[in-house]
């Protein structure tokens, strides 16, 4: 199973949707709230090549992108392949 990290914000509907999608697919993830710690926002910006919207998602250290990118990956069957999980 690959590590999944989601940088998000509690007040972000796209962060909530990404977490819901990951949970529905049975993918464990670490959540980092960038709103509560400015250093985490700086870390996200560095890792995501300046992308400032939330969420920003990483699988095994590789930047996937935001919610739309995650949804597309899941719809194409790539989420399960990338995380080592089974298709629903």
PDB file of N, CA and C in Angstrom:
ATOM      1  N   UNK A   1       0.846  -1.176   0.000  1.00  0.00           N
ATOM      2  CA  UNK A   1       0.000   0.000   0.000  1.00  0.00           C
ATOM      3  C   UNK A   1       0.894   1.242   0.000  1.00  0.00           C
ATOM      4  N   UNK A   2       0.614   2.170  -0.890  1.00  0.00           N
ATOM      5  CA  UNK A   2       1.383   3.398  -1.005  1.00  0.00           C
ATOM      6  C   UNK A   2       0.880   4.422   0.016  1.00  0.00           C
ATOM      7  N   UNK A   3       1.750   5.364   0.367  1.00  0.00           N
ATOM      8  CA  UNK A   3       1.334   6.424   1.285  1.00  0.00           C
ATOM      9  C   UNK A   3       0.593   7.509   0.505  1.00  0.00           C
ATOM     10  N   UNK A   4      -0.481   7.990   1.086  1.00  0.00           N
ATOM     11  CA  UNK A   4      -1.283   9.052   0.483  1.00  0.00           C
ATOM     12  C   UNK A   4      -1.328  10.211   1.473  1.00  0.00           C
ATOM     13  N   UNK A   5      -0.994  11.402   0.991  1.00  0.00           N
ATOM     14  CA  UNK A   5      -1.022  12.609   1.814  1.00  0.00           C
ATOM     15  C   UNK A   5      -1.938  13.616   1.139  1.00  0.00           C
ATOM     16  N   UNK A   6      -2.846  14.176   1.915  1.00  0.00           N
ATOM     17  CA  UNK A   6      -3.786  15.176   1.428  1.00  0.00           C
ATOM     18  C   UNK A   6      -3.573  16.457   2.221  1.00  0.00           C
ATOM     19  N   UNK A   7      -3.133  17.508   1.545  1.00  0.00           N
ATOM     20  CA  UNK A   7      -3.057  18.834   2.147  1.00  0.00           C
ATOM     21  C   UNK A   7      -4.403  19.498   1.886  1.00  0.00           C
ATOM     22  N   UNK A   8      -5.085  19.909   2.934  1.00  0.00           N
ATOM     23  CA  UNK A   8      -6.402  20.490   2.749  1.00  0.00           C
ATOM     24  C   UNK A   8      -6.729  21.508   3.816  1.00  0.00           C
ATOM     25  N   UNK A   9      -7.994  21.912   3.797  1.00  0.00           N
ATOM     26  CA  UNK A   9      -8.519  22.856   4.783  1.00  0.00           C
ATOM     27  C   UNK A   9      -9.899  22.374   5.191  1.00  0.00           C
ATOM     28  N   UNK A  10     -10.224  22.558   6.447  1.00  0.00           N
ATOM     29  CA  UNK A  10     -11.512  22.107   6.976  1.00  0.00           C
ATOM     30  C   UNK A  10     -12.685  22.800   6.294  1.00  0.00           C
ATOM     31  N   UNK A  11     -12.496  24.036   5.854  1.00  0.00           N
ATOM     32  CA  UNK A  11     -13.593  24.793   5.256  1.00  0.00           C
ATOM     33  C   UNK A  11     -13.636  24.687   3.724  1.00  0.00           C
ATOM     34  N   UNK A  12     -12.927  23.719   3.172  1.00  0.00           N
ATOM     35  CA  UNK A  12     -12.836  23.568   1.717  1.00  0.00           C
ATOM     36  C   UNK A  12     -13.695  22.402   1.247  1.00  0.00           C
ATOM     37  N   UNK A  13     -14.680  22.685   0.413  1.00  0.00           N
ATOM     38  CA  UNK A  13     -15.567  21.625  -0.065  1.00  0.00           C
ATOM     39  C   UNK A  13     -14.839  20.608  -0.932  1.00  0.00           C
ATOM     40  N   UNK A  14     -13.815  21.034  -1.645  1.00  0.00           N
ATOM     41  CA  UNK A  14     -13.058  20.098  -2.480  1.00  0.00           C
ATOM     42  C   UNK A  14     -12.185  19.175  -1.630  1.00  0.00           C
ATOM     43  N   UNK A  15     -11.657  19.699  -0.536  1.00  0.00           N
ATOM     44  CA  UNK A  15     -10.914  18.853   0.393  1.00  0.00           C
ATOM     45  C   UNK A  15     -11.848  17.797   0.983  1.00  0.00           C
ATOM     46  N   UNK A  16     -13.044  18.213   1.360  1.00  0.00           N
ATOM     47  CA  UNK A  16     -14.030  17.275   1.907  1.00  0.00           C
ATOM     48  C   UNK A  16     -14.400  16.216   0.872  1.00  0.00           C
ATOM     49  N   UNK A  17     -14.584  16.623  -0.372  1.00  0.00           N
ATOM     50  CA  UNK A  17     -14.939  15.677  -1.432  1.00  0.00           C
ATOM     51  C   UNK A  17     -13.799  14.689  -1.689  1.00  0.00           C
ATOM     52  N   UNK A  18     -12.570  15.163  -1.649  1.00  0.00           N
ATOM     53  CA  UNK A  18     -11.418  14.284  -1.860  1.00  0.00           C
ATOM     54  C   UNK A  18     -11.310  13.262  -0.731  1.00  0.00           C
ATOM     55  N   UNK A  19     -11.510  13.701   0.503  1.00  0.00           N
ATOM     56  CA  UNK A  19     -11.468  12.775   1.636  1.00  0.00           C
ATOM     57  C   UNK A  19     -12.566  11.732   1.523  1.00  0.00           C
ATOM     58  N   UNK A  20     -13.741  12.166   1.133  1.00  0.00           N
ATOM     59  CA  UNK A  20     -14.875  11.246   0.949  1.00  0.00           C
ATOM     60  C   UNK A  20     -14.557  10.205  -0.121  1.00  0.00           C
ATOM     61  N   UNK A  21     -14.001  10.646  -1.232  1.00  0.00           N
ATOM     62  CA  UNK A  21     -13.645   9.732  -2.317  1.00  0.00           C
ATOM     63  C   UNK A  21     -12.613   8.713  -1.850  1.00  0.00           C
ATOM     64  N   UNK A  22     -11.592   9.180  -1.162  1.00  0.00           N
ATOM     65  CA  UNK A  22     -10.570   8.260  -0.666  1.00  0.00           C
ATOM     66  C   UNK A  22     -11.163   7.253   0.312  1.00  0.00           C
ATOM     67  N   UNK A  23     -12.018   7.713   1.200  1.00  0.00           N
ATOM     68  CA  UNK A  23     -12.659   6.798   2.157  1.00  0.00           C
ATOM     69  C   UNK A  23     -13.552   5.785   1.447  1.00  0.00           C
ATOM     70  N   UNK A  24     -14.334   6.259   0.464  1.00  0.00           N
ATOM     71  CA  UNK A  24     -15.205   5.347  -0.297  1.00  0.00           C
ATOM     72  C   UNK A  24     -14.397   4.250  -0.980  1.00  0.00           C
ATOM     73  N   UNK A  25     -13.211   4.596  -1.440  1.00  0.00           N
ATOM     74  CA  UNK A  25     -12.354   3.635  -2.147  1.00  0.00           C
ATOM     75  C   UNK A  25     -11.478   2.826  -1.197  1.00  0.00           C
ATOM     76  N   UNK A  26     -11.616   3.075   0.096  1.00  0.00           N
ATOM     77  CA  UNK A  26     -10.849   2.323   1.079  1.00  0.00           C
ATOM     78  C   UNK A  26      -9.375   2.673   1.120  1.00  0.00           C
ATOM     79  N   UNK A  27      -9.056   3.911   0.753  1.00  0.00           N
ATOM     80  CA  UNK A  27      -7.663   4.353   0.713  1.00  0.00           C
ATOM     81  C   UNK A  27      -7.351   5.127   1.992  1.00  0.00           C
ATOM     82  N   UNK A  28      -6.403   4.629   2.754  1.00  0.00           N
ATOM     83  CA  UNK A  28      -5.955   5.337   3.951  1.00  0.00           C
ATOM     84  C   UNK A  28      -5.110   6.536   3.532  1.00  0.00           C
ATOM     85  N   UNK A  29      -5.219   7.612   4.282  1.00  0.00           N
ATOM     86  CA  UNK A  29      -4.457   8.817   3.936  1.00  0.00           C
ATOM     87  C   UNK A  29      -4.127   9.606   5.183  1.00  0.00           C
ATOM     88  N   UNK A  30      -3.071  10.387   5.084  1.00  0.00           N
ATOM     89  CA  UNK A  30      -2.705  11.341   6.121  1.00  0.00           C
ATOM     90  C   UNK A  30      -3.203  12.702   5.670  1.00  0.00           C
ATOM     91  N   UNK A  31      -3.875  13.392   6.563  1.00  0.00           N
ATOM     92  CA  UNK A  31      -4.414  14.713   6.249  1.00  0.00           C
ATOM     93  C   UNK A  31      -3.585  15.784   6.950  1.00  0.00           C
ATOM     94  N   UNK A  32      -3.211  16.802   6.204  1.00  0.00           N
ATOM     95  CA  UNK A  32      -2.478  17.938   6.756  1.00  0.00           C
ATOM     96  C   UNK A  32      -3.325  19.180   6.534  1.00  0.00           C
ATOM     97  N   UNK A  33      -3.714  19.826   7.635  1.00  0.00           N
ATOM     98  CA  UNK A  33      -4.548  21.033   7.572  1.00  0.00           C
ATOM     99  C   UNK A  33      -3.636  22.248   7.424  1.00  0.00           C
ATOM    100  N   UNK A  34      -3.627  22.821   6.226  1.00  0.00           N
ATOM    101  CA  UNK A  34      -2.741  23.954   5.954  1.00  0.00           C
ATOM    102  C   UNK A  34      -3.239  25.246   6.580  1.00  0.00           C
ATOM    103  N   UNK A  35      -4.509  25.293   6.955  1.00  0.00           N
ATOM    104  CA  UNK A  35      -5.049  26.515   7.558  1.00  0.00           C
ATOM    105  C   UNK A  35      -4.577  26.691   8.996  1.00  0.00           C
ATOM    106  N   UNK A  36      -4.261  25.601   9.659  1.00  0.00           N
ATOM    107  CA  UNK A  36      -3.884  25.688  11.071  1.00  0.00           C
ATOM    108  C   UNK A  36      -2.389  25.932  11.288  1.00  0.00           C
ATOM    109  N   UNK A  37      -1.585  25.804  10.234  1.00  0.00           N
ATOM    110  CA  UNK A  37      -0.137  25.952  10.387  1.00  0.00           C
ATOM    111  C   UNK A  37       0.454  26.537   9.107  1.00  0.00           C
ATOM    112  N   UNK A  38       0.866  27.801   9.139  1.00  0.00           N
ATOM    113  CA  UNK A  38       1.434  28.430   7.944  1.00  0.00           C
ATOM    114  C   UNK A  38       2.646  27.680   7.372  1.00  0.00           C
ATOM    115  N   UNK A  39       3.390  26.987   8.218  1.00  0.00           N
ATOM    116  CA  UNK A  39       4.535  26.205   7.728  1.00  0.00           C
ATOM    117  C   UNK A  39       4.069  25.056   6.835  1.00  0.00           C
ATOM    118  N   UNK A  40       2.917  24.508   7.136  1.00  0.00           N
ATOM    119  CA  UNK A  40       2.379  23.420   6.310  1.00  0.00           C
ATOM    120  C   UNK A  40       1.913  23.947   4.955  1.00  0.00           C
ATOM    121  N   UNK A  41       1.400  25.180   4.930  1.00  0.00           N
ATOM    122  CA  UNK A  41       1.031  25.802   3.662  1.00  0.00           C
ATOM    123  C   UNK A  41       2.280  26.006   2.807  1.00  0.00           C
ATOM    124  N   UNK A  42       3.353  26.477   3.417  1.00  0.00           N
ATOM    125  CA  UNK A  42       4.616  26.658   2.706  1.00  0.00           C
ATOM    126  C   UNK A  42       5.136  25.321   2.185  1.00  0.00           C
ATOM    127  N   UNK A  43       5.026  24.289   2.995  1.00  0.00           N
ATOM    128  CA  UNK A  43       5.442  22.951   2.589  1.00  0.00           C
ATOM    129  C   UNK A  43       4.624  22.470   1.395  1.00  0.00           C
ATOM    130  N   UNK A  44       3.298  22.678   1.450  1.00  0.00           N
ATOM    131  CA  UNK A  44       2.430  22.277   0.340  1.00  0.00           C
ATOM    132  C   UNK A  44       2.805  23.021  -0.936  1.00  0.00           C
ATOM    133  N   UNK A  45       3.005  24.322  -0.835  1.00  0.00           N
ATOM    134  CA  UNK A  45       3.376  25.123  -2.008  1.00  0.00           C
ATOM    135  C   UNK A  45       4.673  24.631  -2.636  1.00  0.00           C
ATOM    136  N   UNK A  46       5.633  24.288  -1.807  1.00  0.00           N
ATOM    137  CA  UNK A  46       6.918  23.781  -2.311  1.00  0.00           C
ATOM    138  C   UNK A  46       6.727  22.428  -2.994  1.00  0.00           C
ATOM    139  N   UNK A  47       6.022  21.533  -2.345  1.00  0.00           N
ATOM    140  CA  UNK A  47       5.848  20.188  -2.900  1.00  0.00           C
ATOM    141  C   UNK A  47       4.974  20.179  -4.144  1.00  0.00           C
ATOM    142  N   UNK A  48       4.007  21.097  -4.197  1.00  0.00           N
ATOM    143  CA  UNK A  48       3.053  21.131  -5.311  1.00  0.00           C
ATOM    144  C   UNK A  48       3.445  22.155  -6.374  1.00  0.00           C
ATOM    145  N   UNK A  49       4.702  22.536  -6.404  1.00  0.00           N
ATOM    146  CA  UNK A  49       5.218  23.470  -7.418  1.00  0.00           C
ATOM    147  C   UNK A  49       4.392  24.751  -7.504  1.00  0.00           C
ATOM    148  N   UNK A  50       4.036  25.293  -6.328  1.00  0.00           N
ATOM    149  CA  UNK A  50       3.342  26.569  -6.283  1.00  0.00           C
ATOM    150  C   UNK A  50       1.825  26.501  -6.354  1.00  0.00           C
ATOM    151  N   UNK A  51       1.265  25.325  -6.526  1.00  0.00           N
ATOM    152  CA  UNK A  51      -0.203  25.205  -6.539  1.00  0.00           C
ATOM    153  C   UNK A  51      -0.729  25.583  -5.162  1.00  0.00           C
ATOM    154  N   UNK A  52      -1.631  26.547  -5.107  1.00  0.00           N
ATOM    155  CA  UNK A  52      -2.069  27.070  -3.816  1.00  0.00           C
ATOM    156  C   UNK A  52      -3.494  26.670  -3.432  1.00  0.00           C
ATOM    157  N   UNK A  53      -4.200  26.024  -4.333  1.00  0.00           N
ATOM    158  CA  UNK A  53      -5.558  25.610  -4.005  1.00  0.00           C
ATOM    159  C   UNK A  53      -5.529  24.302  -3.225  1.00  0.00           C
ATOM    160  N   UNK A  54      -6.572  24.088  -2.451  1.00  0.00           N
ATOM    161  CA  UNK A  54      -6.678  22.830  -1.724  1.00  0.00           C
ATOM    162  C   UNK A  54      -7.857  22.034  -2.263  1.00  0.00           C
ATOM    163  N   UNK A  55      -7.721  20.724  -2.217  1.00  0.00           N
ATOM    164  CA  UNK A  55      -6.595  19.976  -1.682  1.00  0.00           C
ATOM    165  C   UNK A  55      -5.482  19.825  -2.698  1.00  0.00           C
ATOM    166  N   UNK A  56      -4.329  19.435  -2.203  1.00  0.00           N
ATOM    167  CA  UNK A  56      -3.217  18.968  -3.028  1.00  0.00           C
ATOM    168  C   UNK A  56      -2.894  17.574  -2.513  1.00  0.00           C
ATOM    169  N   UNK A  57      -2.861  16.611  -3.419  1.00  0.00           N
ATOM    170  CA  UNK A  57      -2.776  15.205  -3.038  1.00  0.00           C
ATOM    171  C   UNK A  57      -1.497  14.598  -3.605  1.00  0.00           C
ATOM    172  N   UNK A  58      -0.862  13.779  -2.772  1.00  0.00           N
ATOM    173  CA  UNK A  58       0.368  13.087  -3.135  1.00  0.00           C
ATOM    174  C   UNK A  58       0.199  11.603  -2.861  1.00  0.00           C
ATOM    175  N   UNK A  59       0.619  10.781  -3.800  1.00  0.00           N
ATOM    176  CA  UNK A  59       0.629   9.334  -3.604  1.00  0.00           C
ATOM    177  C   UNK A  59       2.066   8.869  -3.730  1.00  0.00           C
ATOM    178  N   UNK A  60       2.562   8.302  -2.637  1.00  0.00           N
ATOM    179  CA  UNK A  60       3.942   7.830  -2.561  1.00  0.00           C
ATOM    180  C   UNK A  60       4.929   8.928  -2.980  1.00  0.00           C
ATOM    181  N   UNK A  61       4.660  10.149  -2.524  1.00  0.00           N
ATOM    182  CA  UNK A  61       5.526  11.286  -2.804  1.00  0.00           C
ATOM    183  C   UNK A  61       5.315  11.955  -4.149  1.00  0.00           C
ATOM    184  N   UNK A  62       4.493  11.354  -5.005  1.00  0.00           N
ATOM    185  CA  UNK A  62       4.245  11.915  -6.347  1.00  0.00           C
ATOM    186  C   UNK A  62       3.008  12.807  -6.300  1.00  0.00           C
ATOM    187  N   UNK A  63       3.133  14.012  -6.822  1.00  0.00           N
ATOM    188  CA  UNK A  63       2.028  14.961  -6.821  1.00  0.00           C
ATOM    189  C   UNK A  63       0.959  14.517  -7.812  1.00  0.00           C
ATOM    190  N   UNK A  64      -0.249  14.304  -7.318  1.00  0.00           N
ATOM    191  CA  UNK A  64      -1.388  13.911  -8.152  1.00  0.00           C
ATOM    192  C   UNK A  64      -2.131  15.149  -8.635  1.00  0.00           C
ATOM    193  N   UNK A  65      -2.257  16.152  -7.755  1.00  0.00           N
ATOM    194  CA  UNK A  65      -2.984  17.367  -8.080  1.00  0.00           C
ATOM    195  C   UNK A  65      -4.093  17.586  -7.073  1.00  0.00           C
ATOM    196  N   UNK A  66      -5.165  18.202  -7.534  1.00  0.00           N
ATOM    197  CA  UNK A  66      -6.292  18.508  -6.670  1.00  0.00           C
ATOM    198  C   UNK A  66      -7.420  17.499  -6.791  1.00  0.00           C
ATOM    199  N   UNK A  67      -8.602  17.907  -6.329  1.00  0.00           N
ATOM    200  CA  UNK A  67      -9.745  16.994  -6.331  1.00  0.00           C
ATOM    201  C   UNK A  67     -10.088  16.501  -7.730  1.00  0.00           C
ATOM    202  N   UNK A  68     -10.158  17.398  -8.699  1.00  0.00           N
ATOM    203  CA  UNK A  68     -10.529  16.981 -10.062  1.00  0.00           C
ATOM    204  C   UNK A  68      -9.558  15.944 -10.610  1.00  0.00           C
ATOM    205  N   UNK A  69      -8.278  16.118 -10.319  1.00  0.00           N
ATOM    206  CA  UNK A  69      -7.268  15.159 -10.770  1.00  0.00           C
ATOM    207  C   UNK A  69      -7.445  13.807 -10.077  1.00  0.00           C
ATOM    208  N   UNK A  70      -7.745  13.848  -8.781  1.00  0.00           N
ATOM    209  CA  UNK A  70      -7.991  12.620  -8.028  1.00  0.00           C
ATOM    210  C   UNK A  70      -9.219  11.902  -8.560  1.00  0.00           C
ATOM    211  N   UNK A  71     -10.281  12.651  -8.817  1.00  0.00           N
ATOM    212  CA  UNK A  71     -11.525  12.069  -9.340  1.00  0.00           C
ATOM    213  C   UNK A  71     -11.270  11.403 -10.689  1.00  0.00           C
ATOM    214  N   UNK A  72     -10.532  12.080 -11.548  1.00  0.00           N
ATOM    215  CA  UNK A  72     -10.221  11.526 -12.864  1.00  0.00           C
ATOM    216  C   UNK A  72      -9.385  10.249 -12.724  1.00  0.00           C
ATOM    217  N   UNK A  73      -8.398  10.273 -11.850  1.00  0.00           N
ATOM    218  CA  UNK A  73      -7.579   9.091 -11.613  1.00  0.00           C
ATOM    219  C   UNK A  73      -8.441   7.932 -11.132  1.00  0.00           C
ATOM    220  N   UNK A  74      -9.360   8.211 -10.215  1.00  0.00           N
ATOM    221  CA  UNK A  74     -10.252   7.172  -9.686  1.00  0.00           C
ATOM    222  C   UNK A  74     -11.187   6.650 -10.770  1.00  0.00           C
ATOM    223  N   UNK A  75     -11.747   7.543 -11.568  1.00  0.00           N
ATOM    224  CA  UNK A  75     -12.680   7.130 -12.622  1.00  0.00           C
ATOM    225  C   UNK A  75     -12.009   6.253 -13.668  1.00  0.00           C
ATOM    226  N   UNK A  76     -10.733   6.469 -13.889  1.00  0.00           N
ATOM    227  CA  UNK A  76      -9.994   5.692 -14.894  1.00  0.00           C
ATOM    228  C   UNK A  76      -9.390   4.419 -14.310  1.00  0.00           C
ATOM    229  N   UNK A  77      -9.614   4.178 -13.014  1.00  0.00           N
ATOM    230  CA  UNK A  77      -9.080   2.981 -12.380  1.00  0.00           C
ATOM    231  C   UNK A  77      -7.652   3.121 -11.901  1.00  0.00           C
ATOM    232  N   UNK A  78      -7.089   4.295 -12.037  1.00  0.00           N
ATOM    233  CA  UNK A  78      -5.695   4.494 -11.657  1.00  0.00           C
ATOM    234  C   UNK A  78      -5.470   4.677 -10.178  1.00  0.00           C
ATOM    235  N   UNK A  79      -6.500   5.047  -9.422  1.00  0.00           N
ATOM    236  CA  UNK A  79      -6.335   5.256  -7.992  1.00  0.00           C
ATOM    237  C   UNK A  79      -5.982   3.942  -7.309  1.00  0.00           C
ATOM    238  N   UNK A  80      -6.694   2.905  -7.630  1.00  0.00           N
ATOM    239  CA  UNK A  80      -6.431   1.611  -7.025  1.00  0.00           C
ATOM    240  C   UNK A  80      -5.044   1.110  -7.413  1.00  0.00           C
ATOM    241  N   UNK A  81      -4.674   1.305  -8.662  1.00  0.00           N
ATOM    242  CA  UNK A  81      -3.349   0.882  -9.117  1.00  0.00           C
ATOM    243  C   UNK A  81      -2.258   1.678  -8.399  1.00  0.00           C
ATOM    244  N   UNK A  82      -2.476   2.974  -8.236  1.00  0.00           N
ATOM    245  CA  UNK A  82      -1.467   3.841  -7.628  1.00  0.00           C
ATOM    246  C   UNK A  82      -1.313   3.590  -6.134  1.00  0.00           C
ATOM    247  N   UNK A  83      -2.402   3.171  -5.475  1.00  0.00           N
ATOM    248  CA  UNK A  83      -2.364   2.997  -4.021  1.00  0.00           C
ATOM    249  C   UNK A  83      -2.246   1.543  -3.604  1.00  0.00           C
ATOM    250  N   UNK A  84      -2.300   0.638  -4.558  1.00  0.00           N
ATOM    251  CA  UNK A  84      -2.202  -0.779  -4.231  1.00  0.00           C
ATOM    252  C   UNK A  84      -3.493  -1.355  -3.680  1.00  0.00           C
ATOM    253  N   UNK A  85      -4.587  -0.605  -3.823  1.00  0.00           N
ATOM    254  CA  UNK A  85      -5.880  -1.063  -3.317  1.00  0.00           C
ATOM    255  C   UNK A  85      -6.645  -1.817  -4.381  1.00  0.00           C
ATOM    256  N   UNK A  86      -7.772  -2.350  -3.964  1.00  0.00           N
ATOM    257  CA  UNK A  86      -8.641  -3.083  -4.895  1.00  0.00           C
ATOM    258  C   UNK A  86      -9.700  -2.153  -5.441  1.00  0.00           C
ATOM    259  N   UNK A  87     -10.135  -2.388  -6.628  1.00  0.00           N
ATOM    260  CA  UNK A  87     -11.219  -1.607  -7.219  1.00  0.00           C
ATOM    261  C   UNK A  87     -12.502  -1.894  -6.460  1.00  0.00           C
ATOM    262  N   UNK A  88     -13.383  -0.898  -6.325  1.00  0.00           N
ATOM    263  CA  UNK A  88     -14.636  -1.109  -5.584  1.00  0.00           C
ATOM    264  C   UNK A  88     -15.567  -2.038  -6.316  1.00  0.00           C
TER     265      UNK A  88
END
